[in-house]
Every structure is written in C-alpha cells, then in structure tokens.
C-alpha atoms as a PDB file:
ATOM      1  CA  MET A   1      31.524  -1.218   4.351  1.00  0.00           C
ATOM      2  CA  THR A   2      27.857  -0.554   5.156  1.00  0.00           C
ATOM      3  CA  THR A   3      25.983  -3.785   5.584  1.00  0.00           C
ATOM      4  CA  PRO A   4      23.268  -4.700   3.040  1.00  0.00           C
ATOM      5  CA  VAL A   5      19.828  -5.712   4.262  1.00  0.00           C
ATOM      6  CA  LEU A   6      17.550  -8.720   3.780  1.00  0.00           C
ATOM      7  CA  VAL A   7      14.162  -7.149   3.433  1.00  0.00           C
ATOM      8  CA  PHE A   8      11.350  -9.607   4.257  1.00  0.00           C
ATOM      9  CA  ASP A   9       7.638  -9.401   3.639  1.00  0.00           C
ATOM     10  CA  LEU A  10       5.615 -10.443   6.653  1.00  0.00           C
ATOM     11  CA  ASP A  11       2.284 -12.218   5.924  1.00  0.00           C
ATOM     12  CA  GLY A  12       2.724 -15.299   3.790  1.00  0.00           C
ATOM     13  CA  THR A  13       6.522 -14.955   3.851  1.00  0.00           C
ATOM     14  CA  LEU A  14       7.639 -15.051   7.480  1.00  0.00           C
ATOM     15  CA  LEU A  15       4.353 -15.730   9.135  1.00  0.00           C
ATOM     16  CA  GLU A  16       1.276 -17.866   8.346  1.00  0.00           C
ATOM     17  CA  THR A  17      -1.316 -15.339   9.319  1.00  0.00           C
ATOM     18  CA  MET A  18      -4.246 -16.530   7.198  1.00  0.00           C
ATOM     19  CA  ARG A  19      -6.291 -18.102  10.009  1.00  0.00           C
ATOM     20  CA  ASP A  20      -6.428 -14.937  12.131  1.00  0.00           C
ATOM     21  CA  LEU A  21      -7.056 -12.752   9.088  1.00  0.00           C
ATOM     22  CA  THR A  22      -9.807 -15.043   7.829  1.00  0.00           C
ATOM     23  CA  ALA A  23     -11.428 -15.251  11.256  1.00  0.00           C
ATOM     24  CA  SER A  24     -11.368 -11.455  11.622  1.00  0.00           C
ATOM     25  CA  LEU A  25     -12.706 -10.903   8.145  1.00  0.00           C
ATOM     26  CA  ASN A  26     -15.526 -13.365   8.547  1.00  0.00           C
ATOM     27  CA  HIS A  27     -16.475 -12.072  12.000  1.00  0.00           C
ATOM     28  CA  VAL A  28     -17.092  -8.655  10.461  1.00  0.00           C
ATOM     29  CA  LEU A  29     -18.863  -9.991   7.362  1.00  0.00           C
ATOM     30  CA  VAL A  30     -21.212 -12.261   9.309  1.00  0.00           C
ATOM     31  CA  GLU A  31     -21.960  -9.567  11.856  1.00  0.00           C
ATOM     32  CA  ALA A  32     -22.978  -7.309   8.951  1.00  0.00           C
ATOM     33  CA  GLY A  33     -25.254  -9.955   7.541  1.00  0.00           C
ATOM     34  CA  PHE A  34     -23.042 -11.276   4.778  1.00  0.00           C
ATOM     35  CA  GLU A  35     -21.775 -14.794   4.174  1.00  0.00           C
ATOM     36  CA  ALA A  36     -18.393 -15.999   5.468  1.00  0.00           C
ATOM     37  CA  ILE A  37     -15.689 -16.630   2.896  1.00  0.00           C
ATOM     38  CA  GLU A  38     -13.704 -19.922   2.697  1.00  0.00           C
ATOM     39  CA  PRO A  39     -10.095 -19.620   3.869  1.00  0.00           C
ATOM     40  CA  GLU A  40      -8.635 -20.671   0.503  1.00  0.00           C
ATOM     41  CA  ARG A  41     -10.583 -17.855  -1.242  1.00  0.00           C
ATOM     42  CA  VAL A  42      -9.299 -15.399   1.384  1.00  0.00           C
ATOM     43  CA  ARG A  43      -5.725 -16.577   0.737  1.00  0.00           C
ATOM     44  CA  LYS A  44      -5.882 -15.178  -2.768  1.00  0.00           C
ATOM     45  CA  MET A  45      -7.193 -11.858  -1.521  1.00  0.00           C
ATOM     46  CA  LEU A  46      -4.212 -11.160   0.711  1.00  0.00           C
ATOM     47  CA  GLY A  47      -0.967  -9.267   0.055  1.00  0.00           C
ATOM     48  CA  ALA A  48      -2.070  -5.696  -0.598  1.00  0.00           C
ATOM     49  CA  GLY A  49      -3.115  -4.558   2.874  1.00  0.00           C
ATOM     50  CA  VAL A  50      -6.346  -4.698   4.892  1.00  0.00           C
ATOM     51  CA  LYS A  51      -8.273  -2.101   2.856  1.00  0.00           C
ATOM     52  CA  VAL A  52      -7.749  -4.124  -0.333  1.00  0.00           C
ATOM     53  CA  LEU A  53      -8.590  -7.312   1.505  1.00  0.00           C
ATOM     54  CA  MET A  54     -11.869  -5.928   2.712  1.00  0.00           C
ATOM     55  CA  SER A  55     -12.665  -4.493  -0.715  1.00  0.00           C
ATOM     56  CA  ARG A  56     -11.981  -7.844  -2.366  1.00  0.00           C
ATOM     57  CA  ALA A  57     -14.137  -9.600   0.204  1.00  0.00           C
ATOM     58  CA  LEU A  58     -17.027  -7.263  -0.463  1.00  0.00           C
ATOM     59  CA  GLU A  59     -16.647  -7.684  -4.220  1.00  0.00           C
ATOM     60  CA  ALA A  60     -16.636 -11.448  -3.779  1.00  0.00           C
ATOM     61  CA  SER A  61     -19.863 -11.104  -1.817  1.00  0.00           C
ATOM     62  CA  LYS A  62     -21.380  -9.088  -4.702  1.00  0.00           C
ATOM     63  CA  ILE A  63     -21.510  -5.939  -2.625  1.00  0.00           C
ATOM     64  CA  GLU A  64     -20.766  -2.600  -4.155  1.00  0.00           C
ATOM     65  CA  VAL A  65     -17.666  -1.128  -2.553  1.00  0.00           C
ATOM     66  CA  THR A  66     -18.290   2.430  -1.514  1.00  0.00           C
ATOM     67  CA  ASP A  67     -16.618   4.515   1.170  1.00  0.00           C
ATOM     68  CA  GLU A  68     -19.878   4.404   3.177  1.00  0.00           C
ATOM     69  CA  VAL A  69     -19.816   0.653   3.189  1.00  0.00           C
ATOM     70  CA  LEU A  70     -16.074   0.020   3.353  1.00  0.00           C
ATOM     71  CA  GLY A  71     -15.100   2.509   6.108  1.00  0.00           C
ATOM     72  CA  PRO A  72     -17.181   1.093   9.014  1.00  0.00           C
ATOM     73  CA  LEU A  73     -16.431  -2.515   8.143  1.00  0.00           C
ATOM     74  CA  LEU A  74     -12.695  -1.808   7.828  1.00  0.00           C
ATOM     75  CA  ALA A  75     -12.683  -0.098  11.233  1.00  0.00           C
ATOM     76  CA  LYS A  76     -14.431  -3.084  12.806  1.00  0.00           C
ATOM     77  CA  PHE A  77     -12.011  -5.510  11.115  1.00  0.00           C
ATOM     78  CA  ILE A  78      -8.966  -3.583  12.466  1.00  0.00           C
ATOM     79  CA  ARG A  79     -10.420  -3.522  15.974  1.00  0.00           C
ATOM     80  CA  TYR A  80     -11.211  -7.224  15.987  1.00  0.00           C
ATOM     81  CA  TYR A  81      -7.922  -8.217  14.364  1.00  0.00           C
ATOM     82  CA  GLU A  82      -5.967  -6.160  16.875  1.00  0.00           C
ATOM     83  CA  ALA A  83      -7.548  -8.154  19.663  1.00  0.00           C
ATOM     84  CA  HIS A  84      -6.856 -11.487  17.978  1.00  0.00           C
ATOM     85  CA  ILE A  85      -3.669 -10.721  16.047  1.00  0.00           C
ATOM     86  CA  ALA A  86      -1.730 -13.822  16.980  1.00  0.00           C
ATOM     87  CA  ASP A  87      -4.377 -16.318  18.203  1.00  0.00           C
ATOM     88  CA  LYS A  88      -3.523 -18.838  15.448  1.00  0.00           C
ATOM     89  CA  THR A  89      -0.591 -17.230  13.645  1.00  0.00           C
ATOM     90  CA  TYR A  90       2.772 -19.017  13.515  1.00  0.00           C
ATOM     91  CA  ALA A  91       6.104 -18.649  11.802  1.00  0.00           C
ATOM     92  CA  PHE A  92       6.761 -20.824   8.774  1.00  0.00           C
ATOM     93  CA  PRO A  93       9.109 -23.753   9.533  1.00  0.00           C
ATOM     94  CA  GLN A  94      12.672 -22.589  10.161  1.00  0.00           C
ATOM     95  CA  ALA A  95      11.881 -18.975   9.166  1.00  0.00           C
ATOM     96  CA  LEU A  96      12.958 -17.232  12.348  1.00  0.00           C
ATOM     97  CA  GLU A  97      15.868 -19.581  12.928  1.00  0.00           C
ATOM     98  CA  THR A  98      17.118 -18.751   9.420  1.00  0.00           C
ATOM     99  CA  VAL A  99      16.766 -15.001   9.994  1.00  0.00           C
ATOM    100  CA  ALA A 100      18.772 -15.329  13.168  1.00  0.00           C
ATOM    101  CA  ARG A 101      21.477 -17.332  11.291  1.00  0.00           C
ATOM    102  CA  MET A 102      21.693 -14.722   8.574  1.00  0.00           C
ATOM    103  CA  ARG A 103      22.128 -11.986  11.169  1.00  0.00           C
ATOM    104  CA  ASP A 104      24.889 -13.976  12.760  1.00  0.00           C
ATOM    105  CA  ALA A 105      26.511 -14.158   9.339  1.00  0.00           C
ATOM    106  CA  GLY A 106      26.551 -10.331   9.287  1.00  0.00           C
ATOM    107  CA  TRP A 107      23.428  -9.307   7.445  1.00  0.00           C
ATOM    108  CA  LYS A 108      20.963  -6.679   8.662  1.00  0.00           C
ATOM    109  CA  THR A 109      17.324  -7.638   8.429  1.00  0.00           C
ATOM    110  CA  ALA A 110      14.123  -5.717   8.005  1.00  0.00           C
ATOM    111  CA  ILE A 111      10.414  -6.207   7.491  1.00  0.00           C
ATOM    112  CA  CYS A 112       8.605  -4.369   4.751  1.00  0.00           C
ATOM    113  CA  THR A 113       4.849  -5.233   4.644  1.00  0.00           C
ATOM    114  CA  ASN A 114       1.681  -3.736   3.245  1.00  0.00           C
ATOM    115  CA  LYS A 115       0.076  -4.432   6.603  1.00  0.00           C
ATOM    116  CA  LEU A 116      -0.714  -1.278   8.480  1.00  0.00           C
ATOM    117  CA  GLU A 117       2.210  -0.306  10.736  1.00  0.00           C
ATOM    118  CA  LYS A 118      -0.063  -0.252  13.779  1.00  0.00           C
ATOM    119  CA  LEU A 119      -0.903  -3.920  13.065  1.00  0.00           C
ATOM    120  CA  ALA A 120       2.502  -5.066  11.845  1.00  0.00           C
ATOM    121  CA  LYS A 121       4.522  -3.912  14.861  1.00  0.00           C
ATOM    122  CA  PRO A 122       2.172  -5.402  17.466  1.00  0.00           C
ATOM    123  CA  LEU A 123       2.163  -8.684  15.530  1.00  0.00           C
ATOM    124  CA  VAL A 124       5.975  -8.727  15.476  1.00  0.00           C
ATOM    125  CA  ARG A 125       5.949  -8.115  19.246  1.00  0.00           C
ATOM    126  CA  ALA A 126       3.314 -10.758  19.854  1.00  0.00           C
ATOM    127  CA  MET A 127       5.418 -13.316  17.958  1.00  0.00           C
ATOM    128  CA  GLU A 128       8.468 -12.383  20.074  1.00  0.00           C
ATOM    129  CA  MET A 129      10.591 -11.648  17.008  1.00  0.00           C
ATOM    130  CA  GLU A 130      11.371  -7.947  17.472  1.00  0.00           C
ATOM    131  CA  HIS A 131      15.039  -8.746  18.259  1.00  0.00           C
ATOM    132  CA  LEU A 132      15.472 -10.282  14.853  1.00  0.00           C
ATOM    133  CA  PHE A 133      14.779  -7.163  12.784  1.00  0.00           C
ATOM    134  CA  ASP A 134      16.479  -3.769  12.577  1.00  0.00           C
ATOM    135  CA  ALA A 135      13.353  -2.140  11.106  1.00  0.00           C
ATOM    136  CA  VAL A 136       9.651  -2.798  10.595  1.00  0.00           C
ATOM    137  CA  VAL A 137       7.929  -0.824   7.887  1.00  0.00           C
ATOM    138  CA  GLY A 138       4.179  -0.940   7.271  1.00  0.00           C
ATOM    139  CA  GLY A 139       1.987  -0.151   4.294  1.00  0.00           C
ATOM    140  CA  ASP A 140       1.283   3.329   5.681  1.00  0.00           C
ATOM    141  CA  THR A 141       4.726   4.160   7.072  1.00  0.00           C
ATOM    142  CA  PHE A 142       5.466   6.111   3.909  1.00  0.00           C
ATOM    143  CA  SER A 143       3.295   7.858   1.386  1.00  0.00           C
ATOM    144  CA  LYS A 144       3.487   4.848  -0.958  1.00  0.00           C
ATOM    145  CA  ASN A 145       3.381   1.118  -0.297  1.00  0.00           C
ATOM    146  CA  LYS A 146       4.567  -1.840  -2.282  1.00  0.00           C
ATOM    147  CA  PRO A 147       4.832  -2.277  -5.299  1.00  0.00           C
ATOM    148  CA  ASP A 148       6.518   1.121  -5.081  1.00  0.00           C
ATOM    149  CA  ALA A 149      10.189   1.042  -4.130  1.00  0.00           C
ATOM    150  CA  MET A 150       9.734   3.756  -1.452  1.00  0.00           C
ATOM    151  CA  PRO A 151       9.003   1.416   1.507  1.00  0.00           C
ATOM    152  CA  VAL A 152      11.748  -1.016   0.531  1.00  0.00           C
ATOM    153  CA  PHE A 153      14.313   1.814   0.498  1.00  0.00           C
ATOM    154  CA  GLY A 154      12.812   3.152   3.723  1.00  0.00           C
ATOM    155  CA  ALA A 155      13.166  -0.141   5.463  1.00  0.00           C
ATOM    156  CA  ILE A 156      16.830  -0.423   4.367  1.00  0.00           C
ATOM    157  CA  ASP A 157      17.504   3.131   5.497  1.00  0.00           C
ATOM    158  CA  ILE A 158      15.832   2.725   8.880  1.00  0.00           C
ATOM    159  CA  ALA A 159      17.762  -0.513   9.392  1.00  0.00           C
ATOM    160  CA  GLY A 160      20.939   1.533   8.874  1.00  0.00           C
ATOM    161  CA  GLY A 161      22.077  -0.612   6.003  1.00  0.00           C
ATOM    162  CA  SER A 162      23.235  -0.202   2.440  1.00  0.00           C
ATOM    163  CA  ARG A 163      20.846  -0.322  -0.488  1.00  0.00           C
ATOM    164  CA  ALA A 164      23.579  -1.815  -2.646  1.00  0.00           C
ATOM    165  CA  GLY A 165      23.649  -5.548  -2.090  1.00  0.00           C
ATOM    166  CA  SER A 166      20.287  -5.745  -0.352  1.00  0.00           C
ATOM    167  CA  ILE A 167      17.826  -8.483  -1.231  1.00  0.00           C
ATOM    168  CA  VAL A 168      14.036  -8.667  -1.021  1.00  0.00           C
ATOM    169  CA  ILE A 169      12.273 -11.824   0.103  1.00  0.00           C
ATOM    170  CA  GLY A 170       8.491 -12.037  -0.448  1.00  0.00           C
ATOM    171  CA  ASP A 171       5.595 -14.108  -1.707  1.00  0.00           C
ATOM    172  CA  SER A 172       3.551 -11.931  -4.079  1.00  0.00           C
ATOM    173  CA  LYS A 173       3.502  -9.691  -7.124  1.00  0.00           C
ATOM    174  CA  ALA A 174       3.698  -6.627  -4.883  1.00  0.00           C
ATOM    175  CA  ASP A 175       7.003  -7.874  -3.370  1.00  0.00           C
ATOM    176  CA  ILE A 176       8.529  -8.849  -6.686  1.00  0.00           C
ATOM    177  CA  SER A 177       7.509  -5.576  -8.339  1.00  0.00           C
ATOM    178  CA  ALA A 178       8.754  -3.531  -5.368  1.00  0.00           C
ATOM    179  CA  ALA A 179      12.142  -5.256  -5.656  1.00  0.00           C
ATOM    180  CA  ARG A 180      12.287  -4.613  -9.394  1.00  0.00           C
ATOM    181  CA  ASN A 181      11.346  -0.953  -8.906  1.00  0.00           C
ATOM    182  CA  ALA A 182      14.106  -0.700  -6.326  1.00  0.00           C
ATOM    183  CA  GLY A 183      16.639  -2.372  -8.647  1.00  0.00           C
ATOM    184  CA  LEU A 184      17.139  -5.172  -6.147  1.00  0.00           C
ATOM    185  CA  PRO A 185      17.186  -8.956  -6.545  1.00  0.00           C
ATOM    186  CA  VAL A 186      14.261 -10.884  -5.173  1.00  0.00           C
ATOM    187  CA  ILE A 187      13.686 -14.337  -3.698  1.00  0.00           C
ATOM    188  CA  ALA A 188      10.109 -15.597  -3.710  1.00  0.00           C
ATOM    189  CA  VAL A 189       8.631 -18.208  -1.416  1.00  0.00           C
ATOM    190  CA  ASP A 190       6.062 -20.455  -3.121  1.00  0.00           C
ATOM    191  CA  PHE A 191       3.954 -21.114  -0.015  1.00  0.00           C
ATOM    192  CA  GLY A 192       2.521 -17.619   0.508  1.00  0.00           C
ATOM    193  CA  TYR A 193      -0.469 -15.544  -0.527  1.00  0.00           C
ATOM    194  CA  THR A 194      -0.851 -14.833  -4.176  1.00  0.00           C
ATOM    195  CA  ASP A 195      -3.430 -15.383  -6.881  1.00  0.00           C
ATOM    196  CA  ILE A 196      -0.649 -15.851  -9.465  1.00  0.00           C
ATOM    197  CA  PRO A 197       1.985 -18.572  -8.948  1.00  0.00           C
ATOM    198  CA  VAL A 198       5.228 -16.770  -7.991  1.00  0.00           C
ATOM    199  CA  ARG A 199       7.218 -18.603 -10.610  1.00  0.00           C
ATOM    200  CA  GLU A 200       5.156 -16.826 -13.261  1.00  0.00           C
ATOM    201  CA  LEU A 201       6.100 -13.483 -11.789  1.00  0.00           C
ATOM    202  CA  GLY A 202       9.801 -13.660 -12.651  1.00  0.00           C
ATOM    203  CA  PRO A 203      11.636 -13.586  -9.298  1.00  0.00           C
ATOM    204  CA  ASP A 204      15.353 -14.340  -9.390  1.00  0.00           C
ATOM    205  CA  VAL A 205      14.995 -17.423  -7.177  1.00  0.00           C
ATOM    206  CA  VAL A 206      12.028 -19.402  -5.837  1.00  0.00           C
ATOM    207  CA  ILE A 207      12.254 -21.393  -2.617  1.00  0.00           C
ATOM    208  CA  SER A 208       9.791 -23.869  -1.099  1.00  0.00           C
ATOM    209  CA  HIS A 209      11.293 -23.978   2.450  1.00  0.00           C
ATOM    210  CA  TYR A 210      13.520 -21.779   4.606  1.00  0.00           C
ATOM    211  CA  ASN A 211      16.260 -24.387   4.556  1.00  0.00           C
ATOM    212  CA  GLN A 212      16.828 -23.219   0.926  1.00  0.00           C
ATOM    213  CA  LEU A 213      17.096 -19.494   1.744  1.00  0.00           C
ATOM    214  CA  GLU A 214      20.767 -19.377   2.733  1.00  0.00           C
ATOM    215  CA  ALA A 215      21.862 -20.926  -0.529  1.00  0.00           C
ATOM    216  CA  ALA A 216      19.617 -18.616  -2.523  1.00  0.00           C
ATOM    217  CA  ILE A 217      21.065 -15.565  -0.800  1.00  0.00           C
ATOM    218  CA  LYS A 218      24.560 -16.810  -1.484  1.00  0.00           C
ATOM    219  CA  GLU A 219      23.644 -17.314  -5.125  1.00  0.00           C
ATOM    220  CA  LEU A 220      22.445 -13.706  -5.486  1.00  0.00           C
ATOM    221  CA  SER A 221      25.160 -12.023  -3.439  1.00  0.00           C
ATOM    222  CA  THR A 222      28.459 -13.728  -4.156  1.00  0.00           C
ATOM    223  CA  GLU A 223      30.210 -10.328  -4.374  1.00  0.00           C
ATOM    224  CA  ASN A 224      28.187  -8.553  -1.738  1.00  0.00           C
ATOM    225  CA  THR A 225      27.885 -11.042   1.159  1.00  0.00           C
ATOM    226  CA  PRO A 226      29.020  -9.296   4.378  1.00  0.00           C
ATOM    227  CA  THR A 227      32.298 -10.486   5.905  1.00  0.00           C
END
C-alpha cells in the first residue's frame, strides 16, 4: 500500500516565524519613510504569502497599493528576510519531535506553504529539519497556491505518497480551504496566524498543542493509518 502523507503548513503551524517576518517588514517600511506595524497586527496579515503580506501592510499604512510601489518594497523585503530568515524563528513546542514520531509510525510528511519556495527551503535548512520532510512545496512551486488543491496534491505526489488517506495540518483559512478543495481531512492548530479563529472555519479537529496531534491523526485515519 502506498503511504499517505501528513501535509503541514509552515509559518504559524510548524514554526513561529512572526518575529523575523515582522522585523523584515518593518525594516522595509521604516526605510521607505512609513511607520512600523505592531507585531500583533502583522500576525493577522500572515498566511497568504509575502506579496499579500506587503500589500496588507501598505493598506494598513493608508498607502495605495500599486505595482510601482509594491514591487521595489517586496524585493527589499525578500532580500532582507533571506539574510535574517531564522534569527528569532523557532519550532512550536514538540512540533518537530511529533513529526519525527509520526514518520517512525510509518507516515510520509511534507510541507505545503504559501511562502515562496526560495524562502521556504532555506528556512527549512536553517532550522535543520530537512530530514523530517519528504517534500517542501512553496506558494510559487505550482501555478496556483493555497487555497487551491494543486499544491497540496503536488506535495503529496513529490513526497511519493498516496493522496487517499492523507491529512492536512494548518493554521488558517487557506489551509482549511485547500484541504477541502482536495477532499482531505484537516487538523487546525489554534496558535497560528489567522484573522478568523480557526474553530469558526470548520476544520475536522482543532488542537492547541502538538501533544494532541497524534490522537487527532488517529481519530481521522482509523482505517488509513499506515502499518
């Protein structure tokens, strides 16, 4: 039997990246003559990729978002973030240990994020977690990103797993919608980045700590758990 895949989001699900994203965003905004944005406001802007993040930050600063304004700021953000990608980023408690345990139990694992692939893969390397994932898919790996099902299926296929029985784990509307569009069950963490509480978005299970993930997976996959 082909092994199903646990498909994880990255920012706000596996890793607490907000400090580095906020620092990078505010570096660019302040350098351009705009005001810095408080971290908790930035938290609600995350989840849809860096272009949307920068657009939301400009809108919050009452700045008209045009290609002429957005393009140069986005390029500066990416350059700065690449150089500071894991300065203050850390894995959520027991996240990586739980991933390792699920792999030992026979699951394949993959990352499917809306972060640009050229940022996602270096971050995974910087956090020394490459060995825990069979695939890393970014928001630009395919022609569509989450909430479309395409990157979820792509992550499963690259991981060499089975779409049937796979489960999505995420923290936002984009993750939950992508899972639904893929016809897959979804577990939501309630400590991530979303402007809408995940319980209101209708995931199959909500967890508040990684020590609850194994039981949630078992609940959703009684018939499909690898043996």
